[in-house]
């Protein structure tokens, strides 16, 4: 599957935050975003509050979740 570019991730995040799309579409968008960004907490980042802009959310999605042992 082709990875989404940043603009496509932004578009899907914007749609999800606005409540657009059917359940099936949102599920597919979340999977495509998950396949395209390093952050594994996709829903947490997208639902991070109404005060965060879509750009801030997308920036969070591109931050890697590093686990130090």
C-alpha atoms as a PDB file:
ATOM      1  CA  UNK A   1       0.000   0.000   0.000  1.00  0.00           C
ATOM      2  CA  UNK A   2       1.247   3.475  -0.885  1.00  0.00           C
ATOM      3  CA  UNK A   3       2.107   5.692   2.051  1.00  0.00           C
ATOM      4  CA  UNK A   4       0.235   8.960   2.336  1.00  0.00           C
ATOM      5  CA  UNK A   5       2.166  12.180   1.962  1.00  0.00           C
ATOM      6  CA  UNK A   6       1.868  14.933   4.555  1.00  0.00           C
ATOM      7  CA  UNK A   7      -0.849  16.782   2.599  1.00  0.00           C
ATOM      8  CA  UNK A   8      -2.977  13.629   2.375  1.00  0.00           C
ATOM      9  CA  UNK A   9      -2.539  12.961   6.106  1.00  0.00           C
ATOM     10  CA  UNK A  10      -3.575  16.575   6.785  1.00  0.00           C
ATOM     11  CA  UNK A  11      -6.684  16.155   4.591  1.00  0.00           C
ATOM     12  CA  UNK A  12      -7.773  12.955   6.378  1.00  0.00           C
ATOM     13  CA  UNK A  13      -7.110  14.379   9.850  1.00  0.00           C
ATOM     14  CA  UNK A  14      -9.163  17.454   8.946  1.00  0.00           C
ATOM     15  CA  UNK A  15     -12.064  15.279   7.744  1.00  0.00           C
ATOM     16  CA  UNK A  16     -11.951  13.088  10.860  1.00  0.00           C
ATOM     17  CA  UNK A  17     -11.875  16.114  13.183  1.00  0.00           C
ATOM     18  CA  UNK A  18     -14.895  17.595  11.368  1.00  0.00           C
ATOM     19  CA  UNK A  19     -16.832  14.338  11.731  1.00  0.00           C
ATOM     20  CA  UNK A  20     -16.956  13.666   8.006  1.00  0.00           C
ATOM     21  CA  UNK A  21     -17.056  10.236   6.394  1.00  0.00           C
ATOM     22  CA  UNK A  22     -18.853   6.992   7.147  1.00  0.00           C
ATOM     23  CA  UNK A  23     -17.572   4.598   9.808  1.00  0.00           C
ATOM     24  CA  UNK A  24     -15.963   2.515   7.072  1.00  0.00           C
ATOM     25  CA  UNK A  25     -14.238   5.540   5.539  1.00  0.00           C
ATOM     26  CA  UNK A  26     -12.918   6.772   8.887  1.00  0.00           C
ATOM     27  CA  UNK A  27     -11.616   3.287   9.717  1.00  0.00           C
ATOM     28  CA  UNK A  28      -9.818   3.160   6.354  1.00  0.00           C
ATOM     29  CA  UNK A  29      -8.413   6.679   6.787  1.00  0.00           C
ATOM     30  CA  UNK A  30      -7.107   5.834  10.266  1.00  0.00           C
ATOM     31  CA  UNK A  31      -5.411   2.707   8.912  1.00  0.00           C
ATOM     32  CA  UNK A  32      -3.846   4.641   6.034  1.00  0.00           C
ATOM     33  CA  UNK A  33      -2.602   7.333   8.435  1.00  0.00           C
ATOM     34  CA  UNK A  34      -1.230   4.648  10.759  1.00  0.00           C
ATOM     35  CA  UNK A  35       0.659   3.062   7.856  1.00  0.00           C
ATOM     36  CA  UNK A  36       2.160   6.438   6.898  1.00  0.00           C
ATOM     37  CA  UNK A  37       3.375   8.056  10.138  1.00  0.00           C
ATOM     38  CA  UNK A  38       5.793   6.961  12.889  1.00  0.00           C
ATOM     39  CA  UNK A  39       3.525   7.848  15.838  1.00  0.00           C
ATOM     40  CA  UNK A  40       1.442   4.835  16.926  1.00  0.00           C
ATOM     41  CA  UNK A  41      -1.051   6.852  19.010  1.00  0.00           C
ATOM     42  CA  UNK A  42      -3.112   7.994  16.022  1.00  0.00           C
ATOM     43  CA  UNK A  43      -6.451   8.489  17.786  1.00  0.00           C
ATOM     44  CA  UNK A  44      -4.811  10.141  20.787  1.00  0.00           C
ATOM     45  CA  UNK A  45      -3.085  12.663  18.561  1.00  0.00           C
ATOM     46  CA  UNK A  46      -6.167  13.390  16.437  1.00  0.00           C
ATOM     47  CA  UNK A  47      -8.426  13.805  19.465  1.00  0.00           C
ATOM     48  CA  UNK A  48      -5.841  15.841  21.400  1.00  0.00           C
ATOM     49  CA  UNK A  49      -8.235  18.677  22.050  1.00  0.00           C
ATOM     50  CA  UNK A  50     -10.139  21.391  20.257  1.00  0.00           C
ATOM     51  CA  UNK A  51      -7.412  23.951  20.926  1.00  0.00           C
ATOM     52  CA  UNK A  52      -4.883  22.113  18.740  1.00  0.00           C
ATOM     53  CA  UNK A  53      -4.825  23.045  15.074  1.00  0.00           C
ATOM     54  CA  UNK A  54      -4.851  20.360  12.418  1.00  0.00           C
ATOM     55  CA  UNK A  55      -1.248  21.320  11.593  1.00  0.00           C
ATOM     56  CA  UNK A  56      -0.238  20.721  15.241  1.00  0.00           C
ATOM     57  CA  UNK A  57      -1.982  17.336  15.185  1.00  0.00           C
ATOM     58  CA  UNK A  58      -0.197  16.337  11.972  1.00  0.00           C
ATOM     59  CA  UNK A  59       3.121  17.419  13.496  1.00  0.00           C
ATOM     60  CA  UNK A  60       2.416  15.120  16.471  1.00  0.00           C
ATOM     61  CA  UNK A  61       1.692  12.250  14.106  1.00  0.00           C
ATOM     62  CA  UNK A  62       5.121  12.666  12.507  1.00  0.00           C
ATOM     63  CA  UNK A  63       6.912  12.570  15.868  1.00  0.00           C
ATOM     64  CA  UNK A  64       8.353   9.130  16.480  1.00  0.00           C
ATOM     65  CA  UNK A  65       7.360   7.333  19.663  1.00  0.00           C
ATOM     66  CA  UNK A  66      10.736   6.157  20.927  1.00  0.00           C
ATOM     67  CA  UNK A  67      11.007   3.589  23.679  1.00  0.00           C
ATOM     68  CA  UNK A  68      14.292   3.569  25.559  1.00  0.00           C
ATOM     69  CA  UNK A  69      15.381   0.346  27.227  1.00  0.00           C
END
